[in-house]
Amino acid sequence: MGVVTAFDPVAEHGRARAALEAAVGRLVELVGGIGDLEVPSRLPGWSVGDVGAHLAAVYLAYGAAVTGDGSVDWDALPRGREGTFGERIAAVNALSVGLVAGDERKRLGTLLAEHGAAFLRDSAGLAPETPVPAPWYGPGRTVPLAAATGLMLGETLVHGLDIARGARRRWSIAPAEASLVIGQALVTMMPLALDAERAKGVRIAFDLAVKGGPRLAVVVADGAATVTRDPAPRPYDCRITAEPTAFLLVSFGREPVWKAVALGRMRAGGRRPWLAPRLSELVPAP
């Protein structure tokens, strides 16, 4: 696996936007071809319609964040349910399902298309580093537009897989799509998702090399994490090499690490390769 050259943030964000538009189109086609939206998805307790409703809420939330539309008080949704990052996200996810219910479920494909297109339209021309309010991650929290775009792409790809598996349909996640999610979104999200309790007293430096890029330095120290893209040379405790789609599915809890390793899609090396599983323990799936 060779050295990955520095990336162009504007060009990569443009590719992420194009990938998101294509993925939303595939998702709308998938949902439109499912006769019964109440069949169980691969997410416990959620039907394929629930997963689609959650995605529609995600698109609406980020679209509203970009435009400043205050029609939904997103900050109030998890109020009274604050806790760890994971607990807050679980609460918001559960509430998001109910935002598209009743007769609106019959228009799920249309809503997905409309909300996805609105986000892309309203964010067009904005710089990748533009801060986007994301109160569902914590009071006053913002994320760069590039991360919001990457997160929406990741949600579309992974939840599209959840829907397809439940409905017994085909769905693919291309390596190039997964790489965009890793580079655009996970750089921002991994520090936020760190389990601070588990990270207390831990000092580990991971060299994460994704086939075809990106390359990330993930450093956990004193209950916090930093993620650096295209890092300068430094000593690492553990090097993880991975195919992008495999790493995306492991990161989102859709594939166990052992399976990715057994299939040769992930491997560990470096001075202390046995530390590789600690990454998913310290940064759990959302």
C-alpha atoms as a PDB file:
ATOM      1  CA  MET A   1       0.000   0.000   0.000  1.00  0.00           C
ATOM      2  CA  GLY A   2       1.773   3.124  -1.216  1.00  0.00           C
ATOM      3  CA  VAL A   3       1.952   6.612   0.175  1.00  0.00           C
ATOM      4  CA  VAL A   4      -1.254   8.584  -0.340  1.00  0.00           C
ATOM      5  CA  THR A   5      -0.726  12.116  -1.601  1.00  0.00           C
ATOM      6  CA  ALA A   6      -2.372  15.116   0.036  1.00  0.00           C
ATOM      7  CA  PHE A   7      -5.969  15.582  -0.994  1.00  0.00           C
ATOM      8  CA  ASP A   8      -7.750  18.561  -2.528  1.00  0.00           C
ATOM      9  CA  PRO A   9     -10.615  19.317  -0.087  1.00  0.00           C
ATOM     10  CA  VAL A  10     -12.712  21.187  -2.672  1.00  0.00           C
ATOM     11  CA  ALA A  11     -12.380  18.492  -5.310  1.00  0.00           C
ATOM     12  CA  GLU A  12     -13.068  15.699  -2.849  1.00  0.00           C
ATOM     13  CA  HIS A  13     -16.119  17.470  -1.481  1.00  0.00           C
ATOM     14  CA  GLY A  14     -17.357  17.803  -5.044  1.00  0.00           C
ATOM     15  CA  ARG A  15     -16.973  14.054  -5.513  1.00  0.00           C
ATOM     16  CA  ALA A  16     -18.802  13.431  -2.238  1.00  0.00           C
ATOM     17  CA  ARG A  17     -21.699  15.617  -3.386  1.00  0.00           C
ATOM     18  CA  ALA A  18     -21.907  13.741  -6.681  1.00  0.00           C
ATOM     19  CA  ALA A  19     -21.774  10.407  -4.854  1.00  0.00           C
ATOM     20  CA  LEU A  20     -24.522  11.534  -2.473  1.00  0.00           C
ATOM     21  CA  GLU A  21     -26.773  12.577  -5.343  1.00  0.00           C
ATOM     22  CA  ALA A  22     -26.263   9.204  -7.035  1.00  0.00           C
ATOM     23  CA  ALA A  23     -26.801   7.262  -3.794  1.00  0.00           C
ATOM     24  CA  VAL A  24     -30.036   9.129  -3.028  1.00  0.00           C
ATOM     25  CA  GLY A  25     -31.256   8.270  -6.508  1.00  0.00           C
ATOM     26  CA  ARG A  26     -30.493   4.591  -5.927  1.00  0.00           C
ATOM     27  CA  LEU A  27     -32.197   4.738  -2.529  1.00  0.00           C
ATOM     28  CA  VAL A  28     -35.369   6.289  -3.952  1.00  0.00           C
ATOM     29  CA  GLU A  29     -35.494   3.578  -6.598  1.00  0.00           C
ATOM     30  CA  LEU A  30     -34.964   0.898  -3.943  1.00  0.00           C
ATOM     31  CA  VAL A  31     -37.705   2.214  -1.639  1.00  0.00           C
ATOM     32  CA  GLY A  32     -40.101   2.690  -4.546  1.00  0.00           C
ATOM     33  CA  GLY A  33     -39.771  -0.974  -5.473  1.00  0.00           C
ATOM     34  CA  ILE A  34     -40.725  -2.299  -2.039  1.00  0.00           C
ATOM     35  CA  GLY A  35     -44.400  -3.183  -1.745  1.00  0.00           C
ATOM     36  CA  ASP A  36     -44.515  -3.607   2.028  1.00  0.00           C
ATOM     37  CA  LEU A  37     -42.542  -1.057   4.032  1.00  0.00           C
ATOM     38  CA  GLU A  38     -43.455  -2.784   7.291  1.00  0.00           C
ATOM     39  CA  VAL A  39     -41.204  -5.779   6.709  1.00  0.00           C
ATOM     40  CA  PRO A  40     -38.402  -5.932   9.280  1.00  0.00           C
ATOM     41  CA  SER A  41     -35.076  -4.369   8.379  1.00  0.00           C
ATOM     42  CA  ARG A  42     -31.773  -5.663   9.677  1.00  0.00           C
ATOM     43  CA  LEU A  43     -31.920  -3.086  12.483  1.00  0.00           C
ATOM     44  CA  PRO A  44     -33.585  -4.543  15.583  1.00  0.00           C
ATOM     45  CA  GLY A  45     -37.086  -3.181  16.076  1.00  0.00           C
ATOM     46  CA  TRP A  46     -37.106  -1.119  12.869  1.00  0.00           C
ATOM     47  CA  SER A  47     -39.046  -1.861   9.696  1.00  0.00           C
ATOM     48  CA  VAL A  48     -37.626  -0.879   6.317  1.00  0.00           C
ATOM     49  CA  GLY A  49     -40.081   2.023   6.425  1.00  0.00           C
ATOM     50  CA  ASP A  50     -38.665   3.114   9.768  1.00  0.00           C
ATOM     51  CA  VAL A  51     -35.159   3.140   8.308  1.00  0.00           C
ATOM     52  CA  GLY A  52     -36.367   5.174   5.338  1.00  0.00           C
ATOM     53  CA  ALA A  53     -38.173   7.600   7.645  1.00  0.00           C
ATOM     54  CA  HIS A  54     -35.005   8.028   9.683  1.00  0.00           C
ATOM     55  CA  LEU A  55     -33.081   8.842   6.508  1.00  0.00           C
ATOM     56  CA  ALA A  56     -35.697  11.367   5.423  1.00  0.00           C
ATOM     57  CA  ALA A  57     -35.328  13.029   8.842  1.00  0.00           C
ATOM     58  CA  VAL A  58     -31.522  13.077   8.455  1.00  0.00           C
ATOM     59  CA  TYR A  59     -31.811  14.777   5.069  1.00  0.00           C
ATOM     60  CA  LEU A  60     -34.342  17.263   6.447  1.00  0.00           C
ATOM     61  CA  ALA A  61     -32.197  18.022   9.504  1.00  0.00           C
ATOM     62  CA  TYR A  62     -29.046  18.792   7.562  1.00  0.00           C
ATOM     63  CA  GLY A  63     -30.974  20.712   4.935  1.00  0.00           C
ATOM     64  CA  ALA A  64     -32.575  22.849   7.640  1.00  0.00           C
ATOM     65  CA  ALA A  65     -29.189  23.326   9.319  1.00  0.00           C
ATOM     66  CA  VAL A  66     -27.683  24.655   6.092  1.00  0.00           C
ATOM     67  CA  THR A  67     -30.518  27.123   5.438  1.00  0.00           C
ATOM     68  CA  GLY A  68     -31.223  28.060   9.057  1.00  0.00           C
ATOM     69  CA  ASP A  69     -34.818  26.886   8.720  1.00  0.00           C
ATOM     70  CA  GLY A  70     -36.228  26.738  12.240  1.00  0.00           C
ATOM     71  CA  SER A  71     -39.404  24.789  11.424  1.00  0.00           C
ATOM     72  CA  VAL A  72     -38.169  21.884  13.582  1.00  0.00           C
ATOM     73  CA  ASP A  73     -36.389  22.506  16.879  1.00  0.00           C
ATOM     74  CA  TRP A  74     -33.709  19.846  16.445  1.00  0.00           C
ATOM     75  CA  ASP A  75     -31.957  20.891  19.619  1.00  0.00           C
ATOM     76  CA  ALA A  76     -35.096  20.163  21.629  1.00  0.00           C
ATOM     77  CA  LEU A  77     -35.565  16.629  20.312  1.00  0.00           C
ATOM     78  CA  PRO A  78     -33.052  14.947  22.628  1.00  0.00           C
ATOM     79  CA  ARG A  79     -33.746  17.266  25.539  1.00  0.00           C
ATOM     80  CA  GLY A  80     -34.111  15.263  28.708  1.00  0.00           C
ATOM     81  CA  ARG A  81     -32.291  12.390  27.030  1.00  0.00           C
ATOM     82  CA  GLU A  82     -28.779  13.787  27.185  1.00  0.00           C
ATOM     83  CA  GLY A  83     -25.996  11.464  28.229  1.00  0.00           C
ATOM     84  CA  THR A  84     -23.028  10.037  26.429  1.00  0.00           C
ATOM     85  CA  PHE A  85     -22.614  10.700  22.728  1.00  0.00           C
ATOM     86  CA  GLY A  86     -23.944   7.237  21.933  1.00  0.00           C
ATOM     87  CA  GLU A  87     -26.967   7.648  24.209  1.00  0.00           C
ATOM     88  CA  ARG A  88     -27.796  11.018  22.685  1.00  0.00           C
ATOM     89  CA  ILE A  89     -27.581   9.649  19.136  1.00  0.00           C
ATOM     90  CA  ALA A  90     -29.722   6.636  20.070  1.00  0.00           C
ATOM     91  CA  ALA A  91     -32.388   8.969  21.474  1.00  0.00           C
ATOM     92  CA  VAL A  92     -32.390  11.218  18.412  1.00  0.00           C
ATOM     93  CA  ASN A  93     -32.509   8.210  16.076  1.00  0.00           C
ATOM     94  CA  ALA A  94     -35.518   6.808  17.896  1.00  0.00           C
ATOM     95  CA  LEU A  95     -37.319  10.151  17.717  1.00  0.00           C
ATOM     96  CA  SER A  96     -36.476  10.662  14.043  1.00  0.00           C
ATOM     97  CA  VAL A  97     -38.546   7.649  12.979  1.00  0.00           C
ATOM     98  CA  GLY A  98     -41.745   9.336  14.133  1.00  0.00           C
ATOM     99  CA  LEU A  99     -41.148  12.477  12.076  1.00  0.00           C
ATOM    100  CA  VAL A 100     -42.345  10.652   8.955  1.00  0.00           C
ATOM    101  CA  ALA A 101     -45.385   8.596   9.907  1.00  0.00           C
ATOM    102  CA  GLY A 102     -48.959   7.836   8.910  1.00  0.00           C
ATOM    103  CA  ASP A 103     -49.934   8.834   5.394  1.00  0.00           C
ATOM    104  CA  GLU A 104     -46.526  10.463   4.872  1.00  0.00           C
ATOM    105  CA  ARG A 105     -44.964   6.982   4.831  1.00  0.00           C
ATOM    106  CA  LYS A 106     -46.816   6.389   1.561  1.00  0.00           C
ATOM    107  CA  ARG A 107     -44.755   9.235   0.081  1.00  0.00           C
ATOM    108  CA  LEU A 108     -41.469   8.033   1.541  1.00  0.00           C
ATOM    109  CA  GLY A 109     -39.656   7.783  -1.783  1.00  0.00           C
ATOM    110  CA  THR A 110     -40.816  11.263  -2.777  1.00  0.00           C
ATOM    111  CA  LEU A 111     -39.793  12.722   0.587  1.00  0.00           C
ATOM    112  CA  LEU A 112     -36.336  11.163   0.341  1.00  0.00           C
ATOM    113  CA  ALA A 113     -35.890  12.579  -3.155  1.00  0.00           C
ATOM    114  CA  GLU A 114     -37.139  16.045  -2.140  1.00  0.00           C
ATOM    115  CA  HIS A 115     -35.135  16.372   1.073  1.00  0.00           C
ATOM    116  CA  GLY A 116     -31.968  14.955  -0.467  1.00  0.00           C
ATOM    117  CA  ALA A 117     -32.207  17.322  -3.435  1.00  0.00           C
ATOM    118  CA  ALA A 118     -32.930  20.280  -1.139  1.00  0.00           C
ATOM    119  CA  PHE A 119     -29.744  19.699   0.871  1.00  0.00           C
ATOM    120  CA  LEU A 120     -27.631  19.501  -2.287  1.00  0.00           C
ATOM    121  CA  ARG A 121     -29.309  22.555  -3.791  1.00  0.00           C
ATOM    122  CA  ASP A 122     -29.066  24.728  -0.690  1.00  0.00           C
ATOM    123  CA  SER A 123     -25.448  23.761   0.082  1.00  0.00           C
ATOM    124  CA  ALA A 124     -24.222  24.227  -3.489  1.00  0.00           C
ATOM    125  CA  GLY A 125     -21.322  26.651  -3.723  1.00  0.00           C
ATOM    126  CA  LEU A 126     -20.533  26.636  -0.008  1.00  0.00           C
ATOM    127  CA  ALA A 127     -16.955  25.915   1.052  1.00  0.00           C
ATOM    128  CA  PRO A 128     -16.264  22.449   2.521  1.00  0.00           C
ATOM    129  CA  GLU A 129     -15.205  24.008   5.826  1.00  0.00           C
ATOM    130  CA  THR A 130     -18.475  25.970   6.244  1.00  0.00           C
ATOM    131  CA  PRO A 131     -19.775  25.235   9.778  1.00  0.00           C
ATOM    132  CA  VAL A 132     -23.145  23.482   9.852  1.00  0.00           C
ATOM    133  CA  PRO A 133     -25.145  23.442  13.116  1.00  0.00           C
ATOM    134  CA  ALA A 134     -25.543  19.899  14.459  1.00  0.00           C
ATOM    135  CA  PRO A 135     -27.262  20.237  17.873  1.00  0.00           C
ATOM    136  CA  TRP A 136     -28.147  16.521  17.888  1.00  0.00           C
ATOM    137  CA  TYR A 137     -24.453  15.888  18.615  1.00  0.00           C
ATOM    138  CA  GLY A 138     -24.460  18.265  21.567  1.00  0.00           C
ATOM    139  CA  PRO A 139     -25.504  21.817  22.498  1.00  0.00           C
ATOM    140  CA  GLY A 140     -23.896  24.359  20.180  1.00  0.00           C
ATOM    141  CA  ARG A 141     -22.143  21.667  18.169  1.00  0.00           C
ATOM    142  CA  THR A 142     -21.252  22.333  14.531  1.00  0.00           C
ATOM    143  CA  VAL A 143     -19.569  20.172  11.898  1.00  0.00           C
ATOM    144  CA  PRO A 144     -17.903  21.226   8.644  1.00  0.00           C
ATOM    145  CA  LEU A 145     -20.114  21.000   5.565  1.00  0.00           C
ATOM    146  CA  ALA A 146     -17.737  18.362   4.182  1.00  0.00           C
ATOM    147  CA  ALA A 147     -18.444  16.187   7.238  1.00  0.00           C
ATOM    148  CA  ALA A 148     -22.207  16.744   6.932  1.00  0.00           C
ATOM    149  CA  THR A 149     -22.100  15.725   3.276  1.00  0.00           C
ATOM    150  CA  GLY A 150     -19.974  12.691   4.080  1.00  0.00           C
ATOM    151  CA  LEU A 151     -22.266  11.706   6.944  1.00  0.00           C
ATOM    152  CA  MET A 152     -25.317  11.911   4.717  1.00  0.00           C
ATOM    153  CA  LEU A 153     -23.538   9.772   2.145  1.00  0.00           C
ATOM    154  CA  GLY A 154     -22.585   7.244   4.821  1.00  0.00           C
ATOM    155  CA  GLU A 155     -26.106   7.147   6.242  1.00  0.00           C
ATOM    156  CA  THR A 156     -27.534   6.628   2.756  1.00  0.00           C
ATOM    157  CA  LEU A 157     -25.139   3.824   1.879  1.00  0.00           C
ATOM    158  CA  VAL A 158     -25.350   1.953   5.179  1.00  0.00           C
ATOM    159  CA  HIS A 159     -29.083   2.375   5.740  1.00  0.00           C
ATOM    160  CA  GLY A 160     -29.688   1.554   2.091  1.00  0.00           C
ATOM    161  CA  LEU A 161     -27.995  -1.745   2.895  1.00  0.00           C
ATOM    162  CA  ASP A 162     -30.239  -2.200   5.957  1.00  0.00           C
ATOM    163  CA  ILE A 163     -33.332  -1.640   3.816  1.00  0.00           C
ATOM    164  CA  ALA A 164     -32.127  -3.885   0.995  1.00  0.00           C
ATOM    165  CA  ARG A 165     -31.257  -6.736   3.342  1.00  0.00           C
ATOM    166  CA  GLY A 166     -34.680  -6.553   4.975  1.00  0.00           C
ATOM    167  CA  ALA A 167     -36.498  -6.404   1.640  1.00  0.00           C
ATOM    168  CA  ARG A 168     -34.194  -9.010   0.060  1.00  0.00           C
ATOM    169  CA  ARG A 169     -33.008  -6.606  -2.622  1.00  0.00           C
ATOM    170  CA  ARG A 170     -29.581  -5.893  -4.032  1.00  0.00           C
ATOM    171  CA  TRP A 171     -27.489  -2.994  -2.744  1.00  0.00           C
ATOM    172  CA  SER A 172     -23.819  -2.267  -3.233  1.00  0.00           C
ATOM    173  CA  ILE A 173     -21.316   0.080  -1.622  1.00  0.00           C
ATOM    174  CA  ALA A 174     -18.433   0.858  -3.948  1.00  0.00           C
ATOM    175  CA  PRO A 175     -14.930   1.304  -2.513  1.00  0.00           C
ATOM    176  CA  ALA A 176     -14.777   4.854  -3.897  1.00  0.00           C
ATOM    177  CA  GLU A 177     -18.017   5.744  -2.076  1.00  0.00           C
ATOM    178  CA  ALA A 178     -16.766   4.266   1.198  1.00  0.00           C
ATOM    179  CA  SER A 179     -13.455   6.132   0.893  1.00  0.00           C
ATOM    180  CA  LEU A 180     -15.329   9.412   0.554  1.00  0.00           C
ATOM    181  CA  VAL A 181     -17.286   8.738   3.745  1.00  0.00           C
ATOM    182  CA  ILE A 182     -14.102   7.877   5.634  1.00  0.00           C
ATOM    183  CA  GLY A 183     -12.236  10.937   4.404  1.00  0.00           C
ATOM    184  CA  GLN A 184     -15.067  13.449   4.620  1.00  0.00           C
ATOM    185  CA  ALA A 185     -16.962  12.293   7.707  1.00  0.00           C
ATOM    186  CA  LEU A 186     -15.003   9.972   9.975  1.00  0.00           C
ATOM    187  CA  VAL A 187     -12.176  12.451  10.477  1.00  0.00           C
ATOM    188  CA  THR A 188     -14.719  14.636  12.294  1.00  0.00           C
ATOM    189  CA  MET A 189     -16.910  11.936  13.813  1.00  0.00           C
ATOM    190  CA  MET A 190     -14.343   9.604  15.374  1.00  0.00           C
ATOM    191  CA  PRO A 191     -13.241  12.138  18.034  1.00  0.00           C
ATOM    192  CA  LEU A 192     -16.905  12.922  18.812  1.00  0.00           C
ATOM    193  CA  ALA A 193     -17.823   9.242  19.132  1.00  0.00           C
ATOM    194  CA  LEU A 194     -14.903   8.367  21.415  1.00  0.00           C
ATOM    195  CA  ASP A 195     -15.995   6.555  24.567  1.00  0.00           C
ATOM    196  CA  ALA A 196     -14.356   8.914  27.048  1.00  0.00           C
ATOM    197  CA  GLU A 197     -14.742   6.530  29.982  1.00  0.00           C
ATOM    198  CA  ARG A 198     -12.999   3.683  28.197  1.00  0.00           C
ATOM    199  CA  ALA A 199     -10.352   6.088  26.939  1.00  0.00           C
ATOM    200  CA  LYS A 200      -9.314   7.256  30.409  1.00  0.00           C
ATOM    201  CA  GLY A 201      -5.641   6.548  30.911  1.00  0.00           C
ATOM    202  CA  VAL A 202      -5.290   5.105  27.412  1.00  0.00           C
ATOM    203  CA  ARG A 203      -2.494   6.194  25.065  1.00  0.00           C
ATOM    204  CA  ILE A 204      -2.527   4.520  21.664  1.00  0.00           C
ATOM    205  CA  ALA A 205      -1.531   5.828  18.243  1.00  0.00           C
ATOM    206  CA  PHE A 206      -3.156   4.050  15.288  1.00  0.00           C
ATOM    207  CA  ASP A 207      -1.946   4.340  11.699  1.00  0.00           C
ATOM    208  CA  LEU A 208      -5.064   3.759   9.598  1.00  0.00           C
ATOM    209  CA  ALA A 209      -4.222   3.085   5.961  1.00  0.00           C
ATOM    210  CA  VAL A 210      -7.258   2.694   3.733  1.00  0.00           C
ATOM    211  CA  LYS A 211      -6.628   1.119   0.336  1.00  0.00           C
ATOM    212  CA  GLY A 212      -6.683   3.922  -2.216  1.00  0.00           C
ATOM    213  CA  GLY A 213      -6.786   6.526   0.586  1.00  0.00           C
ATOM    214  CA  PRO A 214      -7.313   8.261   2.868  1.00  0.00           C
ATOM    215  CA  ARG A 215      -4.580   7.717   5.437  1.00  0.00           C
ATOM    216  CA  LEU A 216      -5.358   8.756   8.993  1.00  0.00           C
ATOM    217  CA  ALA A 217      -3.481   9.040  12.260  1.00  0.00           C
ATOM    218  CA  VAL A 218      -5.883   8.240  15.092  1.00  0.00           C
ATOM    219  CA  VAL A 219      -4.343   9.135  18.448  1.00  0.00           C
ATOM    220  CA  VAL A 220      -6.135   8.434  21.725  1.00  0.00           C
ATOM    221  CA  ALA A 221      -4.643  10.086  24.785  1.00  0.00           C
ATOM    222  CA  ASP A 222      -6.003  11.185  28.160  1.00  0.00           C
ATOM    223  CA  GLY A 223      -9.654  10.608  27.339  1.00  0.00           C
ATOM    224  CA  ALA A 224      -9.629  12.427  23.988  1.00  0.00           C
ATOM    225  CA  ALA A 225      -8.942  11.530  20.372  1.00  0.00           C
ATOM    226  CA  THR A 226      -7.420  13.408  17.475  1.00  0.00           C
ATOM    227  CA  VAL A 227      -7.640  12.315  13.858  1.00  0.00           C
ATOM    228  CA  THR A 228      -5.170  13.746  11.364  1.00  0.00           C
ATOM    229  CA  ARG A 229      -5.394  13.233   7.649  1.00  0.00           C
ATOM    230  CA  ASP A 230      -2.203  12.665   5.633  1.00  0.00           C
ATOM    231  CA  PRO A 231      -0.121  12.880   8.828  1.00  0.00           C
ATOM    232  CA  ALA A 232       3.586  13.601   9.016  1.00  0.00           C
ATOM    233  CA  PRO A 233       5.793  10.587   9.848  1.00  0.00           C
ATOM    234  CA  ARG A 234       5.641   9.568  13.502  1.00  0.00           C
ATOM    235  CA  PRO A 235       5.848   6.353  15.564  1.00  0.00           C
ATOM    236  CA  TYR A 236       2.665   4.301  15.868  1.00  0.00           C
ATOM    237  CA  ASP A 237       1.622   1.507  18.181  1.00  0.00           C
ATOM    238  CA  CYS A 238      -0.563  -0.260  15.638  1.00  0.00           C
ATOM    239  CA  ARG A 239      -1.096  -0.078  11.903  1.00  0.00           C
ATOM    240  CA  ILE A 240      -4.471  -1.062  10.457  1.00  0.00           C
ATOM    241  CA  THR A 241      -4.769  -1.602   6.723  1.00  0.00           C
ATOM    242  CA  ALA A 242      -8.257  -2.008   5.330  1.00  0.00           C
ATOM    243  CA  GLU A 243     -10.370  -2.065   2.225  1.00  0.00           C
ATOM    244  CA  PRO A 244     -12.625   1.012   2.371  1.00  0.00           C
ATOM    245  CA  THR A 245     -15.979  -0.756   2.211  1.00  0.00           C
ATOM    246  CA  ALA A 246     -14.937  -3.225   4.900  1.00  0.00           C
ATOM    247  CA  PHE A 247     -13.768  -0.442   7.214  1.00  0.00           C
ATOM    248  CA  LEU A 248     -17.007   1.495   6.644  1.00  0.00           C
ATOM    249  CA  LEU A 249     -19.159  -1.524   7.501  1.00  0.00           C
ATOM    250  CA  VAL A 250     -17.088  -2.335  10.588  1.00  0.00           C
ATOM    251  CA  SER A 251     -17.196   1.325  11.700  1.00  0.00           C
ATOM    252  CA  PHE A 252     -21.002   1.380  11.420  1.00  0.00           C
ATOM    253  CA  GLY A 253     -21.387  -1.983  13.139  1.00  0.00           C
ATOM    254  CA  ARG A 254     -22.665  -3.787  10.052  1.00  0.00           C
ATOM    255  CA  GLU A 255     -19.813  -6.283   9.860  1.00  0.00           C
ATOM    256  CA  PRO A 256     -17.795  -7.802  12.714  1.00  0.00           C
ATOM    257  CA  VAL A 257     -14.067  -7.192  12.742  1.00  0.00           C
ATOM    258  CA  TRP A 258     -13.324 -10.927  12.776  1.00  0.00           C
ATOM    259  CA  LYS A 259     -15.193 -11.415   9.504  1.00  0.00           C
ATOM    260  CA  ALA A 260     -13.335  -8.590   7.755  1.00  0.00           C
ATOM    261  CA  VAL A 261     -10.046 -10.055   9.005  1.00  0.00           C
ATOM    262  CA  ALA A 262     -10.990 -13.601   8.009  1.00  0.00           C
ATOM    263  CA  LEU A 263     -11.825 -12.434   4.488  1.00  0.00           C
ATOM    264  CA  GLY A 264      -8.510 -10.601   4.206  1.00  0.00           C
ATOM    265  CA  ARG A 265     -10.194  -7.214   4.016  1.00  0.00           C
ATOM    266  CA  MET A 266      -8.545  -5.863   7.172  1.00  0.00           C
ATOM    267  CA  ARG A 267      -5.260  -6.659   8.843  1.00  0.00           C
ATOM    268  CA  ALA A 268      -3.123  -5.341  11.673  1.00  0.00           C
ATOM    269  CA  GLY A 269       0.595  -4.727  11.881  1.00  0.00           C
ATOM    270  CA  GLY A 270       3.133  -2.487  13.551  1.00  0.00           C
ATOM    271  CA  ARG A 271       4.806  -2.815  16.944  1.00  0.00           C
ATOM    272  CA  ARG A 272       1.650  -3.877  18.802  1.00  0.00           C
ATOM    273  CA  PRO A 273      -0.798  -5.351  16.260  1.00  0.00           C
ATOM    274  CA  TRP A 274      -2.907  -6.923  19.004  1.00  0.00           C
ATOM    275  CA  LEU A 275      -4.196  -3.440  19.851  1.00  0.00           C
ATOM    276  CA  ALA A 276      -6.202  -3.206  16.607  1.00  0.00           C
ATOM    277  CA  PRO A 277      -9.525  -4.312  18.182  1.00  0.00           C
ATOM    278  CA  ARG A 278      -9.215  -1.481  20.705  1.00  0.00           C
ATOM    279  CA  LEU A 279     -10.049   1.052  18.003  1.00  0.00           C
ATOM    280  CA  SER A 280     -13.632  -0.197  17.618  1.00  0.00           C
ATOM    281  CA  GLU A 281     -13.932  -0.475  21.411  1.00  0.00           C
ATOM    282  CA  LEU A 282     -12.772   3.089  21.977  1.00  0.00           C
ATOM    283  CA  VAL A 283     -14.765   4.500  19.035  1.00  0.00           C
ATOM    284  CA  PRO A 284     -17.962   2.404  19.018  1.00  0.00           C
ATOM    285  CA  ALA A 285     -20.419   2.258  16.147  1.00  0.00           C
ATOM    286  CA  PRO A 286     -23.106   4.995  16.240  1.00  0.00           C
END
